[in-house]
Structures are given as C-alpha cells and as structure tokens.
PDB file of N, CA and C in Angstrom:
ATOM      1  N   UNK A   1     174.812  74.438  79.174  1.00  0.00           N
ATOM      2  CA  UNK A   1     174.254  75.261  78.114  1.00  0.00           C
ATOM      3  C   UNK A   1     172.768  74.919  77.979  1.00  0.00           C
ATOM      4  N   UNK A   2     171.914  75.950  77.838  1.00  0.00           N
ATOM      5  CA  UNK A   2     170.474  75.692  77.692  1.00  0.00           C
ATOM      6  C   UNK A   2     170.162  75.045  76.338  1.00  0.00           C
ATOM      7  N   UNK A   3     169.061  74.337  76.290  1.00  0.00           N
ATOM      8  CA  UNK A   3     168.638  73.710  75.035  1.00  0.00           C
ATOM      9  C   UNK A   3     167.996  74.756  74.134  1.00  0.00           C
ATOM     10  N   UNK A   4     167.838  74.404  72.887  1.00  0.00           N
ATOM     11  CA  UNK A   4     167.195  75.306  71.936  1.00  0.00           C
ATOM     12  C   UNK A   4     165.758  75.603  72.368  1.00  0.00           C
ATOM     13  N   UNK A   5     165.051  74.610  72.880  1.00  0.00           N
ATOM     14  CA  UNK A   5     163.674  74.809  73.359  1.00  0.00           C
ATOM     15  C   UNK A   5     163.643  75.806  74.522  1.00  0.00           C
ATOM     16  N   UNK A   6     164.618  75.707  75.425  1.00  0.00           N
ATOM     17  CA  UNK A   6     164.673  76.645  76.561  1.00  0.00           C
ATOM     18  C   UNK A   6     164.969  78.066  76.091  1.00  0.00           C
ATOM     19  N   UNK A   7     165.839  78.180  75.095  1.00  0.00           N
ATOM     20  CA  UNK A   7     166.154  79.513  74.558  1.00  0.00           C
ATOM     21  C   UNK A   7     164.928  80.118  73.890  1.00  0.00           C
ATOM     22  N   UNK A   8     164.217  79.328  73.110  1.00  0.00           N
ATOM     23  CA  UNK A   8     162.994  79.825  72.456  1.00  0.00           C
ATOM     24  C   UNK A   8     161.947  80.236  73.485  1.00  0.00           C
ATOM     25  N   UNK A   9     161.796  79.450  74.522  1.00  0.00           N
ATOM     26  CA  UNK A   9     160.835  79.781  75.583  1.00  0.00           C
ATOM     27  C   UNK A   9     161.239  81.086  76.261  1.00  0.00           C
ATOM     28  N   UNK A  10     162.529  81.256  76.524  1.00  0.00           N
ATOM     29  CA  UNK A  10     163.023  82.481  77.140  1.00  0.00           C
ATOM     30  C   UNK A  10     162.705  83.697  76.274  1.00  0.00           C
ATOM     31  N   UNK A  11     163.001  83.580  74.966  1.00  0.00           N
ATOM     32  CA  UNK A  11     162.750  84.701  74.050  1.00  0.00           C
ATOM     33  C   UNK A  11     161.260  85.021  73.974  1.00  0.00           C
ATOM     34  N   UNK A  12     160.425  83.999  73.973  1.00  0.00           N
ATOM     35  CA  UNK A  12     158.974  84.254  73.881  1.00  0.00           C
ATOM     36  C   UNK A  12     158.430  84.961  75.116  1.00  0.00           C
ATOM     37  N   UNK A  13     159.157  84.946  76.205  1.00  0.00           N
ATOM     38  CA  UNK A  13     158.724  85.609  77.442  1.00  0.00           C
ATOM     39  C   UNK A  13     159.324  87.000  77.627  1.00  0.00           C
ATOM     40  N   UNK A  14     160.142  87.445  76.703  1.00  0.00           N
ATOM     41  CA  UNK A  14     160.761  88.767  76.857  1.00  0.00           C
ATOM     42  C   UNK A  14     159.681  89.846  76.890  1.00  0.00           C
ATOM     43  N   UNK A  15     159.859  90.860  77.757  1.00  0.00           N
ATOM     44  CA  UNK A  15     158.778  91.813  78.015  1.00  0.00           C
ATOM     45  C   UNK A  15     158.599  92.934  77.002  1.00  0.00           C
ATOM     46  N   UNK A  16     159.645  93.235  76.180  1.00  0.00           N
ATOM     47  CA  UNK A  16     159.508  94.402  75.305  1.00  0.00           C
ATOM     48  C   UNK A  16     160.325  94.249  74.021  1.00  0.00           C
ATOM     49  N   UNK A  17     160.096  95.179  73.113  1.00  0.00           N
ATOM     50  CA  UNK A  17     160.755  95.170  71.805  1.00  0.00           C
ATOM     51  C   UNK A  17     162.261  95.348  71.949  1.00  0.00           C
ATOM     52  N   UNK A  18     162.688  96.178  72.872  1.00  0.00           N
ATOM     53  CA  UNK A  18     164.112  96.434  73.059  1.00  0.00           C
ATOM     54  C   UNK A  18     164.844  95.138  73.424  1.00  0.00           C
ATOM     55  N   UNK A  19     164.262  94.339  74.292  1.00  0.00           N
ATOM     56  CA  UNK A  19     164.879  93.078  74.696  1.00  0.00           C
ATOM     57  C   UNK A  19     164.962  92.099  73.523  1.00  0.00           C
ATOM     58  N   UNK A  20     163.890  91.995  72.744  1.00  0.00           N
ATOM     59  CA  UNK A  20     163.886  91.104  71.582  1.00  0.00           C
ATOM     60  C   UNK A  20     164.903  91.586  70.540  1.00  0.00           C
ATOM     61  N   UNK A  21     164.982  92.910  70.345  1.00  0.00           N
ATOM     62  CA  UNK A  21     165.940  93.467  69.388  1.00  0.00           C
ATOM     63  C   UNK A  21     167.375  93.168  69.816  1.00  0.00           C
ATOM     64  N   UNK A  22     167.665  93.192  71.102  1.00  0.00           N
ATOM     65  CA  UNK A  22     169.006  92.883  71.594  1.00  0.00           C
ATOM     66  C   UNK A  22     169.360  91.427  71.287  1.00  0.00           C
ATOM     67  N   UNK A  23     168.408  90.531  71.457  1.00  0.00           N
ATOM     68  CA  UNK A  23     168.630  89.119  71.115  1.00  0.00           C
ATOM     69  C   UNK A  23     168.865  88.981  69.613  1.00  0.00           C
ATOM     70  N   UNK A  24     168.078  89.692  68.837  1.00  0.00           N
ATOM     71  CA  UNK A  24     168.199  89.631  67.378  1.00  0.00           C
ATOM     72  C   UNK A  24     169.573  90.138  66.921  1.00  0.00           C
ATOM     73  N   UNK A  25     170.060  91.216  67.525  1.00  0.00           N
ATOM     74  CA  UNK A  25     171.390  91.731  67.182  1.00  0.00           C
ATOM     75  C   UNK A  25     172.472  90.695  67.454  1.00  0.00           C
ATOM     76  N   UNK A  26     172.379  90.044  68.599  1.00  0.00           N
ATOM     77  CA  UNK A  26     173.365  89.022  68.960  1.00  0.00           C
ATOM     78  C   UNK A  26     173.315  87.848  67.990  1.00  0.00           C
ATOM     79  N   UNK A  27     172.113  87.414  67.641  1.00  0.00           N
ATOM     80  CA  UNK A  27     171.961  86.303  66.703  1.00  0.00           C
ATOM     81  C   UNK A  27     172.515  86.679  65.327  1.00  0.00           C
ATOM     82  N   UNK A  28     172.267  87.894  64.882  1.00  0.00           N
ATOM     83  CA  UNK A  28     172.765  88.355  63.591  1.00  0.00           C
ATOM     84  C   UNK A  28     174.289  88.386  63.583  1.00  0.00           C
ATOM     85  N   UNK A  29     174.878  88.905  64.636  1.00  0.00           N
ATOM     86  CA  UNK A  29     176.341  88.955  64.724  1.00  0.00           C
ATOM     87  C   UNK A  29     176.932  87.548  64.672  1.00  0.00           C
ATOM     88  N   UNK A  30     176.284  86.607  65.328  1.00  0.00           N
ATOM     89  CA  UNK A  30     176.772  85.226  65.321  1.00  0.00           C
ATOM     90  C   UNK A  30     176.662  84.603  63.928  1.00  0.00           C
ATOM     91  N   UNK A  31     175.557  84.877  63.226  1.00  0.00           N
ATOM     92  CA  UNK A  31     175.397  84.370  61.860  1.00  0.00           C
ATOM     93  C   UNK A  31     176.482  84.921  60.932  1.00  0.00           C
ATOM     94  N   UNK A  32     176.790  86.194  61.065  1.00  0.00           N
ATOM     95  CA  UNK A  32     177.837  86.809  60.247  1.00  0.00           C
ATOM     96  C   UNK A  32     179.177  86.147  60.547  1.00  0.00           C
ATOM     97  N   UNK A  33     179.459  85.899  61.820  1.00  0.00           N
ATOM     98  CA  UNK A  33     180.710  85.254  62.207  1.00  0.00           C
ATOM     99  C   UNK A  33     180.800  83.835  61.641  1.00  0.00           C
ATOM    100  N   UNK A  34     179.726  83.073  61.761  1.00  0.00           N
ATOM    101  CA  UNK A  34     179.725  81.702  61.238  1.00  0.00           C
ATOM    102  C   UNK A  34     179.922  81.691  59.731  1.00  0.00           C
ATOM    103  N   UNK A  35     179.281  82.646  59.041  1.00  0.00           N
ATOM    104  CA  UNK A  35     179.422  82.737  57.595  1.00  0.00           C
ATOM    105  C   UNK A  35     180.859  83.086  57.220  1.00  0.00           C
ATOM    106  N   UNK A  36     181.455  84.037  57.931  1.00  0.00           N
ATOM    107  CA  UNK A  36     182.825  84.461  57.635  1.00  0.00           C
ATOM    108  C   UNK A  36     183.810  83.313  57.867  1.00  0.00           C
ATOM    109  N   UNK A  37     183.562  82.499  58.879  1.00  0.00           N
ATOM    110  CA  UNK A  37     184.449  81.377  59.176  1.00  0.00           C
ATOM    111  C   UNK A  37     184.454  80.342  58.050  1.00  0.00           C
ATOM    112  N   UNK A  38     183.374  80.259  57.277  1.00  0.00           N
ATOM    113  CA  UNK A  38     183.268  79.266  56.216  1.00  0.00           C
ATOM    114  C   UNK A  38     183.795  79.768  54.873  1.00  0.00           C
ATOM    115  N   UNK A  39     184.003  81.059  54.747  1.00  0.00           N
ATOM    116  CA  UNK A  39     184.472  81.616  53.478  1.00  0.00           C
ATOM    117  C   UNK A  39     185.993  81.480  53.344  1.00  0.00           C
ATOM    118  N   UNK A  40     186.460  81.231  52.128  1.00  0.00           N
ATOM    119  CA  UNK A  40     187.907  81.228  51.927  1.00  0.00           C
ATOM    120  C   UNK A  40     188.438  82.658  52.033  1.00  0.00           C
ATOM    121  N   UNK A  41     189.666  82.783  52.418  1.00  0.00           N
ATOM    122  CA  UNK A  41     190.286  84.102  52.532  1.00  0.00           C
ATOM    123  C   UNK A  41     190.635  84.594  51.137  1.00  0.00           C
ATOM    124  N   UNK A  42     190.146  85.777  50.810  1.00  0.00           N
ATOM    125  CA  UNK A  42     190.428  86.368  49.506  1.00  0.00           C
ATOM    126  C   UNK A  42     191.648  87.265  49.670  1.00  0.00           C
ATOM    127  N   UNK A  43     192.689  86.964  48.918  1.00  0.00           N
ATOM    128  CA  UNK A  43     193.893  87.779  48.960  1.00  0.00           C
ATOM    129  C   UNK A  43     194.303  88.123  47.535  1.00  0.00           C
ATOM    130  N   UNK A  44     194.961  89.267  47.361  1.00  0.00           N
ATOM    131  CA  UNK A  44     195.420  89.649  46.035  1.00  0.00           C
ATOM    132  C   UNK A  44     196.338  88.582  45.439  1.00  0.00           C
ATOM    133  N   UNK A  45     196.182  88.363  44.133  1.00  0.00           N
ATOM    134  CA  UNK A  45     196.995  87.392  43.420  1.00  0.00           C
ATOM    135  C   UNK A  45     196.286  86.076  43.161  1.00  0.00           C
ATOM    136  N   UNK A  46     195.204  85.808  43.900  1.00  0.00           N
ATOM    137  CA  UNK A  46     194.441  84.574  43.655  1.00  0.00           C
ATOM    138  C   UNK A  46     193.608  84.739  42.397  1.00  0.00           C
ATOM    139  N   UNK A  47     193.381  83.641  41.685  1.00  0.00           N
ATOM    140  CA  UNK A  47     192.490  83.698  40.526  1.00  0.00           C
ATOM    141  C   UNK A  47     191.073  83.417  40.995  1.00  0.00           C
ATOM    142  N   UNK A  48     190.122  84.043  40.326  1.00  0.00           N
ATOM    143  CA  UNK A  48     188.744  83.879  40.748  1.00  0.00           C
ATOM    144  C   UNK A  48     187.761  84.140  39.633  1.00  0.00           C
ATOM    145  N   UNK A  49     186.503  83.879  39.961  1.00  0.00           N
ATOM    146  CA  UNK A  49     185.392  84.072  39.028  1.00  0.00           C
ATOM    147  C   UNK A  49     184.337  84.896  39.743  1.00  0.00           C
ATOM    148  N   UNK A  50     183.726  85.802  39.024  1.00  0.00           N
ATOM    149  CA  UNK A  50     182.599  86.561  39.568  1.00  0.00           C
ATOM    150  C   UNK A  50     181.381  85.656  39.451  1.00  0.00           C
ATOM    151  N   UNK A  51     180.707  85.406  40.563  1.00  0.00           N
ATOM    152  CA  UNK A  51     179.603  84.437  40.532  1.00  0.00           C
ATOM    153  C   UNK A  51     178.328  85.041  39.948  1.00  0.00           C
ATOM    154  N   UNK A  52     177.300  84.242  39.871  1.00  0.00           N
ATOM    155  CA  UNK A  52     176.057  84.645  39.208  1.00  0.00           C
ATOM    156  C   UNK A  52     175.149  85.489  40.091  1.00  0.00           C
ATOM    157  N   UNK A  53     175.572  85.808  41.315  1.00  0.00           N
ATOM    158  CA  UNK A  53     174.722  86.633  42.184  1.00  0.00           C
ATOM    159  C   UNK A  53     174.946  88.125  42.000  1.00  0.00           C
ATOM    160  N   UNK A  54     175.967  88.507  41.244  1.00  0.00           N
ATOM    161  CA  UNK A  54     176.236  89.938  41.049  1.00  0.00           C
ATOM    162  C   UNK A  54     175.111  90.554  40.232  1.00  0.00           C
ATOM    163  N   UNK A  55     174.778  91.782  40.537  1.00  0.00           N
ATOM    164  CA  UNK A  55     173.633  92.448  39.910  1.00  0.00           C
ATOM    165  C   UNK A  55     173.810  92.653  38.408  1.00  0.00           C
ATOM    166  N   UNK A  56     174.947  93.164  37.996  1.00  0.00           N
ATOM    167  CA  UNK A  56     175.173  93.418  36.563  1.00  0.00           C
ATOM    168  C   UNK A  56     175.398  92.100  35.822  1.00  0.00           C
ATOM    169  N   UNK A  57     174.463  91.763  34.971  1.00  0.00           N
ATOM    170  CA  UNK A  57     174.511  90.486  34.254  1.00  0.00           C
ATOM    171  C   UNK A  57     175.763  90.349  33.390  1.00  0.00           C
ATOM    172  N   UNK A  58     176.265  91.446  32.850  1.00  0.00           N
ATOM    173  CA  UNK A  58     177.436  91.360  31.964  1.00  0.00           C
ATOM    174  C   UNK A  58     178.702  90.942  32.718  1.00  0.00           C
ATOM    175  N   UNK A  59     178.695  91.005  34.048  1.00  0.00           N
ATOM    176  CA  UNK A  59     179.878  90.633  34.828  1.00  0.00           C
ATOM    177  C   UNK A  59     179.849  89.186  35.310  1.00  0.00           C
ATOM    178  N   UNK A  60     178.710  88.539  35.170  1.00  0.00           N
ATOM    179  CA  UNK A  60     178.564  87.180  35.689  1.00  0.00           C
ATOM    180  C   UNK A  60     179.501  86.198  34.988  1.00  0.00           C
ATOM    181  N   UNK A  61     180.221  85.422  35.800  1.00  0.00           N
ATOM    182  CA  UNK A  61     181.111  84.347  35.385  1.00  0.00           C
ATOM    183  C   UNK A  61     182.377  84.815  34.669  1.00  0.00           C
ATOM    184  N   UNK A  62     182.693  86.111  34.756  1.00  0.00           N
ATOM    185  CA  UNK A  62     183.969  86.580  34.227  1.00  0.00           C
ATOM    186  C   UNK A  62     185.077  86.132  35.172  1.00  0.00           C
ATOM    187  N   UNK A  63     186.271  85.902  34.636  1.00  0.00           N
ATOM    188  CA  UNK A  63     187.377  85.401  35.439  1.00  0.00           C
ATOM    189  C   UNK A  63     188.581  86.332  35.354  1.00  0.00           C
ATOM    190  N   UNK A  64     189.409  86.252  36.381  1.00  0.00           N
ATOM    191  CA  UNK A  64     190.602  87.085  36.405  1.00  0.00           C
ATOM    192  C   UNK A  64     191.370  86.913  37.698  1.00  0.00           C
ATOM    193  N   UNK A  65     192.246  87.865  37.964  1.00  0.00           N
ATOM    194  CA  UNK A  65     193.105  87.829  39.143  1.00  0.00           C
ATOM    195  C   UNK A  65     192.636  88.875  40.140  1.00  0.00           C
ATOM    196  N   UNK A  66     192.456  88.454  41.386  1.00  0.00           N
ATOM    197  CA  UNK A  66     192.025  89.367  42.451  1.00  0.00           C
ATOM    198  C   UNK A  66     193.141  90.366  42.718  1.00  0.00           C
ATOM    199  N   UNK A  67     192.762  91.637  42.804  1.00  0.00           N
ATOM    200  CA  UNK A  67     193.708  92.716  43.079  1.00  0.00           C
ATOM    201  C   UNK A  67     193.473  93.234  44.502  1.00  0.00           C
ATOM    202  N   UNK A  68     193.770  94.460  44.741  1.00  0.00           N
ATOM    203  CA  UNK A  68     193.676  95.050  46.076  1.00  0.00           C
ATOM    204  C   UNK A  68     192.233  95.173  46.576  1.00  0.00           C
ATOM    205  N   UNK A  69     192.032  94.991  47.891  1.00  0.00           N
ATOM    206  CA  UNK A  69     190.709  95.214  48.474  1.00  0.00           C
ATOM    207  C   UNK A  69     190.490  96.699  48.760  1.00  0.00           C
ATOM    208  N   UNK A  70     189.239  97.054  49.010  1.00  0.00           N
ATOM    209  CA  UNK A  70     188.979  98.400  49.487  1.00  0.00           C
ATOM    210  C   UNK A  70     189.378  98.467  50.964  1.00  0.00           C
ATOM    211  N   UNK A  71     189.170  99.590  51.594  1.00  0.00           N
ATOM    212  CA  UNK A  71     189.627  99.799  52.969  1.00  0.00           C
ATOM    213  C   UNK A  71     189.040  98.797  53.950  1.00  0.00           C
ATOM    214  N   UNK A  72     187.788  98.390  53.743  1.00  0.00           N
ATOM    215  CA  UNK A  72     187.130  97.472  54.672  1.00  0.00           C
ATOM    216  C   UNK A  72     187.281  96.006  54.283  1.00  0.00           C
ATOM    217  N   UNK A  73     187.829  95.734  53.105  1.00  0.00           N
ATOM    218  CA  UNK A  73     187.977  94.353  52.647  1.00  0.00           C
ATOM    219  C   UNK A  73     186.681  93.736  52.154  1.00  0.00           C
ATOM    220  N   UNK A  74     185.660  94.576  51.930  1.00  0.00           N
ATOM    221  CA  UNK A  74     184.374  94.059  51.479  1.00  0.00           C
ATOM    222  C   UNK A  74     184.251  94.030  49.956  1.00  0.00           C
ATOM    223  N   UNK A  75     185.153  94.701  49.267  1.00  0.00           N
ATOM    224  CA  UNK A  75     185.153  94.732  47.804  1.00  0.00           C
ATOM    225  C   UNK A  75     186.590  94.630  47.295  1.00  0.00           C
ATOM    226  N   UNK A  76     186.740  94.001  46.130  1.00  0.00           N
ATOM    227  CA  UNK A  76     188.060  93.820  45.535  1.00  0.00           C
ATOM    228  C   UNK A  76     188.024  94.231  44.077  1.00  0.00           C
ATOM    229  N   UNK A  77     189.159  94.716  43.587  1.00  0.00           N
ATOM    230  CA  UNK A  77     189.318  94.916  42.155  1.00  0.00           C
ATOM    231  C   UNK A  77     189.696  93.567  41.551  1.00  0.00           C
ATOM    232  N   UNK A  78     189.285  93.345  40.304  1.00  0.00           N
ATOM    233  CA  UNK A  78     189.639  92.114  39.597  1.00  0.00           C
ATOM    234  C   UNK A  78     190.182  92.491  38.226  1.00  0.00           C
ATOM    235  N   UNK A  79     191.390  92.000  37.932  1.00  0.00           N
ATOM    236  CA  UNK A  79     191.984  92.193  36.617  1.00  0.00           C
ATOM    237  C   UNK A  79     191.547  91.020  35.754  1.00  0.00           C
ATOM    238  N   UNK A  80     190.652  91.303  34.813  1.00  0.00           N
ATOM    239  CA  UNK A  80     190.104  90.236  33.973  1.00  0.00           C
ATOM    240  C   UNK A  80     191.177  89.613  33.092  1.00  0.00           C
ATOM    241  N   UNK A  81     191.043  88.308  32.841  1.00  0.00           N
ATOM    242  CA  UNK A  81     191.935  87.656  31.891  1.00  0.00           C
ATOM    243  C   UNK A  81     191.515  88.069  30.477  1.00  0.00           C
ATOM    244  N   UNK A  82     192.291  87.658  29.493  1.00  0.00           N
ATOM    245  CA  UNK A  82     192.033  88.102  28.121  1.00  0.00           C
ATOM    246  C   UNK A  82     190.676  87.650  27.591  1.00  0.00           C
ATOM    247  N   UNK A  83     190.303  86.401  27.871  1.00  0.00           N
ATOM    248  CA  UNK A  83     189.021  85.888  27.361  1.00  0.00           C
ATOM    249  C   UNK A  83     187.846  86.640  27.982  1.00  0.00           C
ATOM    250  N   UNK A  84     187.914  86.914  29.272  1.00  0.00           N
ATOM    251  CA  UNK A  84     186.819  87.633  29.931  1.00  0.00           C
ATOM    252  C   UNK A  84     186.782  89.098  29.512  1.00  0.00           C
ATOM    253  N   UNK A  85     187.952  89.688  29.294  1.00  0.00           N
ATOM    254  CA  UNK A  85     187.996  91.073  28.801  1.00  0.00           C
ATOM    255  C   UNK A  85     187.303  91.155  27.452  1.00  0.00           C
ATOM    256  N   UNK A  86     187.603  90.222  26.563  1.00  0.00           N
ATOM    257  CA  UNK A  86     186.983  90.214  25.239  1.00  0.00           C
ATOM    258  C   UNK A  86     185.474  89.957  25.337  1.00  0.00           C
ATOM    259  N   UNK A  87     185.092  89.039  26.219  1.00  0.00           N
ATOM    260  CA  UNK A  87     183.666  88.740  26.393  1.00  0.00           C
ATOM    261  C   UNK A  87     182.899  89.969  26.879  1.00  0.00           C
ATOM    262  N   UNK A  88     183.473  90.699  27.857  1.00  0.00           N
ATOM    263  CA  UNK A  88     182.816  91.905  28.366  1.00  0.00           C
ATOM    264  C   UNK A  88     182.765  92.987  27.293  1.00  0.00           C
ATOM    265  N   UNK A  89     183.835  93.129  26.518  1.00  0.00           N
ATOM    266  CA  UNK A  89     183.886  94.126  25.446  1.00  0.00           C
ATOM    267  C   UNK A  89     182.762  93.904  24.438  1.00  0.00           C
ATOM    268  N   UNK A  90     182.454  92.649  24.137  1.00  0.00           N
ATOM    269  CA  UNK A  90     181.476  92.318  23.092  1.00  0.00           C
ATOM    270  C   UNK A  90     180.058  92.053  23.613  1.00  0.00           C
ATOM    271  N   UNK A  91     179.886  92.054  24.925  1.00  0.00           N
ATOM    272  CA  UNK A  91     178.567  91.768  25.517  1.00  0.00           C
ATOM    273  C   UNK A  91     177.588  92.903  25.224  1.00  0.00           C
ATOM    274  N   UNK A  92     176.483  92.617  24.524  1.00  0.00           N
ATOM    275  CA  UNK A  92     175.527  93.677  24.178  1.00  0.00           C
ATOM    276  C   UNK A  92     174.833  94.289  25.398  1.00  0.00           C
ATOM    277  N   UNK A  93     174.801  93.577  26.516  1.00  0.00           N
ATOM    278  CA  UNK A  93     174.164  94.130  27.717  1.00  0.00           C
ATOM    279  C   UNK A  93     175.109  95.048  28.494  1.00  0.00           C
ATOM    280  N   UNK A  94     176.378  95.107  28.085  1.00  0.00           N
ATOM    281  CA  UNK A  94     177.359  95.960  28.748  1.00  0.00           C
ATOM    282  C   UNK A  94     177.208  97.389  28.254  1.00  0.00           C
ATOM    283  N   UNK A  95     176.628  98.230  29.082  1.00  0.00           N
ATOM    284  CA  UNK A  95     176.474  99.644  28.721  1.00  0.00           C
ATOM    285  C   UNK A  95     177.355 100.542  29.585  1.00  0.00           C
ATOM    286  N   UNK A  96     178.111  99.942  30.505  1.00  0.00           N
ATOM    287  CA  UNK A  96     178.896 100.723  31.452  1.00  0.00           C
ATOM    288  C   UNK A  96     180.395 100.726  31.173  1.00  0.00           C
ATOM    289  N   UNK A  97     180.941  99.606  30.767  1.00  0.00           N
ATOM    290  CA  UNK A  97     182.385  99.459  30.643  1.00  0.00           C
ATOM    291  C   UNK A  97     182.808  99.566  29.186  1.00  0.00           C
ATOM    292  N   UNK A  98     183.607 100.574  28.874  1.00  0.00           N
ATOM    293  CA  UNK A  98     184.125 100.773  27.517  1.00  0.00           C
ATOM    294  C   UNK A  98     185.554 100.251  27.482  1.00  0.00           C
ATOM    295  N   UNK A  99     185.773  99.224  26.682  1.00  0.00           N
ATOM    296  CA  UNK A  99     187.082  98.595  26.613  1.00  0.00           C
ATOM    297  C   UNK A  99     187.606  98.759  25.188  1.00  0.00           C
ATOM    298  N   UNK A 100     188.713  99.488  25.021  1.00  0.00           N
ATOM    299  CA  UNK A 100     189.276  99.666  23.678  1.00  0.00           C
ATOM    300  C   UNK A 100     189.679  98.325  23.062  1.00  0.00           C
ATOM    301  N   UNK A 101     189.635  98.241  21.748  1.00  0.00           N
ATOM    302  CA  UNK A 101     189.944  96.995  21.031  1.00  0.00           C
ATOM    303  C   UNK A 101     191.325  96.445  21.348  1.00  0.00           C
ATOM    304  N   UNK A 102     192.323  97.263  21.527  1.00  0.00           N
ATOM    305  CA  UNK A 102     193.672  96.772  21.757  1.00  0.00           C
ATOM    306  C   UNK A 102     193.960  96.345  23.191  1.00  0.00           C
ATOM    307  N   UNK A 103     193.056  96.601  24.109  1.00  0.00           N
ATOM    308  CA  UNK A 103     193.300  96.297  25.523  1.00  0.00           C
ATOM    309  C   UNK A 103     193.062  94.815  25.809  1.00  0.00           C
ATOM    310  N   UNK A 104     194.109  94.131  26.288  1.00  0.00           N
ATOM    311  CA  UNK A 104     194.024  92.684  26.509  1.00  0.00           C
ATOM    312  C   UNK A 104     193.382  92.336  27.845  1.00  0.00           C
ATOM    313  N   UNK A 105     193.661  93.135  28.892  1.00  0.00           N
ATOM    314  CA  UNK A 105     193.134  92.844  30.227  1.00  0.00           C
ATOM    315  C   UNK A 105     192.494  94.118  30.771  1.00  0.00           C
ATOM    316  N   UNK A 106     191.360  93.968  31.430  1.00  0.00           N
ATOM    317  CA  UNK A 106     190.595  95.114  31.921  1.00  0.00           C
ATOM    318  C   UNK A 106     190.413  95.004  33.428  1.00  0.00           C
ATOM    319  N   UNK A 107     190.584  96.113  34.136  1.00  0.00           N
ATOM    320  CA  UNK A 107     190.452  96.140  35.589  1.00  0.00           C
ATOM    321  C   UNK A 107     189.032  96.539  35.984  1.00  0.00           C
ATOM    322  N   UNK A 108     188.343  95.627  36.657  1.00  0.00           N
ATOM    323  CA  UNK A 108     187.020  95.929  37.224  1.00  0.00           C
ATOM    324  C   UNK A 108     187.222  96.353  38.666  1.00  0.00           C
ATOM    325  N   UNK A 109     186.633  97.465  39.043  1.00  0.00           N
ATOM    326  CA  UNK A 109     186.807  97.977  40.394  1.00  0.00           C
ATOM    327  C   UNK A 109     185.618  97.619  41.283  1.00  0.00           C
ATOM    328  N   UNK A 110     185.918  97.377  42.547  1.00  0.00           N
ATOM    329  CA  UNK A 110     184.926  97.261  43.620  1.00  0.00           C
ATOM    330  C   UNK A 110     183.908  96.140  43.436  1.00  0.00           C
ATOM    331  N   UNK A 111     184.383  94.951  43.160  1.00  0.00           N
ATOM    332  CA  UNK A 111     183.500  93.783  43.073  1.00  0.00           C
ATOM    333  C   UNK A 111     183.256  93.285  44.500  1.00  0.00           C
ATOM    334  N   UNK A 112     181.999  93.097  44.921  1.00  0.00           N
ATOM    335  CA  UNK A 112     181.725  92.639  46.286  1.00  0.00           C
ATOM    336  C   UNK A 112     182.392  91.289  46.567  1.00  0.00           C
ATOM    337  N   UNK A 113     183.003  91.180  47.740  1.00  0.00           N
ATOM    338  CA  UNK A 113     183.718  89.942  48.111  1.00  0.00           C
ATOM    339  C   UNK A 113     182.795  88.731  48.059  1.00  0.00           C
ATOM    340  N   UNK A 114     181.537  88.897  48.429  1.00  0.00           N
ATOM    341  CA  UNK A 114     180.624  87.755  48.432  1.00  0.00           C
ATOM    342  C   UNK A 114     180.286  87.259  47.034  1.00  0.00           C
ATOM    343  N   UNK A 115     180.662  88.023  46.003  1.00  0.00           N
ATOM    344  CA  UNK A 115     180.410  87.613  44.617  1.00  0.00           C
ATOM    345  C   UNK A 115     181.650  86.997  43.962  1.00  0.00           C
ATOM    346  N   UNK A 116     182.718  86.803  44.728  1.00  0.00           N
ATOM    347  CA  UNK A 116     183.959  86.264  44.178  1.00  0.00           C
ATOM    348  C   UNK A 116     184.139  84.817  44.623  1.00  0.00           C
ATOM    349  N   UNK A 117     184.268  83.928  43.645  1.00  0.00           N
ATOM    350  CA  UNK A 117     184.586  82.523  43.915  1.00  0.00           C
ATOM    351  C   UNK A 117     186.047  82.314  43.558  1.00  0.00           C
ATOM    352  N   UNK A 118     186.839  81.872  44.502  1.00  0.00           N
ATOM    353  CA  UNK A 118     188.242  81.608  44.209  1.00  0.00           C
ATOM    354  C   UNK A 118     188.338  80.313  43.413  1.00  0.00           C
ATOM    355  N   UNK A 119     189.146  80.342  42.346  1.00  0.00           N
ATOM    356  CA  UNK A 119     189.251  79.178  41.470  1.00  0.00           C
ATOM    357  C   UNK A 119     190.641  78.574  41.441  1.00  0.00           C
ATOM    358  N   UNK A 120     191.611  79.275  41.966  1.00  0.00           N
ATOM    359  CA  UNK A 120     192.953  78.733  41.920  1.00  0.00           C
ATOM    360  C   UNK A 120     193.946  79.592  42.659  1.00  0.00           C
ATOM    361  N   UNK A 121     195.207  79.188  42.618  1.00  0.00           N
ATOM    362  CA  UNK A 121     196.275  79.950  43.267  1.00  0.00           C
ATOM    363  C   UNK A 121     196.588  81.212  42.476  1.00  0.00           C
ATOM    364  N   UNK A 122     197.602  81.875  42.893  1.00  0.00           N
ATOM    365  CA  UNK A 122     198.013  83.123  42.231  1.00  0.00           C
ATOM    366  C   UNK A 122     198.260  82.886  40.751  1.00  0.00           C
ATOM    367  N   UNK A 123     197.896  83.870  39.950  1.00  0.00           N
ATOM    368  CA  UNK A 123     198.092  83.829  38.503  1.00  0.00           C
ATOM    369  C   UNK A 123     199.585  83.887  38.198  1.00  0.00           C
ATOM    370  N   UNK A 124     200.029  83.102  37.236  1.00  0.00           N
ATOM    371  CA  UNK A 124     201.470  83.100  36.918  1.00  0.00           C
ATOM    372  C   UNK A 124     201.779  84.029  35.779  1.00  0.00           C
TER     373      UNK A 124
END
C-alpha cells in the first residue's frame, strides 16, 4: 500500500479537474462509509434524544421513542415522552407544532438520523 505522502504526490500531479474530482468522489464515499460504521444502528423502539444540532431550537434535547424510518432510513419519526411533549407545547419559540392540552405524547415526523442520540433500549 502506498504511503500518505506518495498518495498526496500522486494527486498533486493529476493533469485535469476531472481526475481530481474522481479522487475527491472516492474520498468522500470512504468518509461516509467510515462515519456510518461508527454510528449506532437506529431501530424503531429504541429511546433517544434529539441532539443540539437540529435546526429548530424548540426540538433540541427532546426525548422519546424512535418510530418508523422514512424510505431511505435517513429520517425517523419520534414519539415524544410526556415531559418532552409538555415542554414542546409550552416552548415560546415553538411556532410550528400545535399540541392540544390533553395530548400526553406527540409524534414528531422526519427527524434526521444524524440528530438522534440513542439513550437506551426499547421503551417499556
């Protein structure tokens, strides 16, 4: 296997943009694979928390049970627990989700998989 220095030297000698772009595509695919290998498998029934990287601030750190994924497995629905449902209902920055007072658990649709931190086994 060539050394990292040899690979860098090879890339610096490539003759055109198309060749460099092909190397970049391969490197990107490898990075995605390495990242996927390090992530825990998200399956329905696991408990989890929406992490702080999600765009909508009112959803950050809410907890619940992971539900079904979308067709590609890149997004999951999350059934919020009672405390998180109440927190979202009362959050003044929440202008999107209307949760009636009597509703104990609320289903959030299409949460990006990369924003879900698994916190435990299946909810009992």
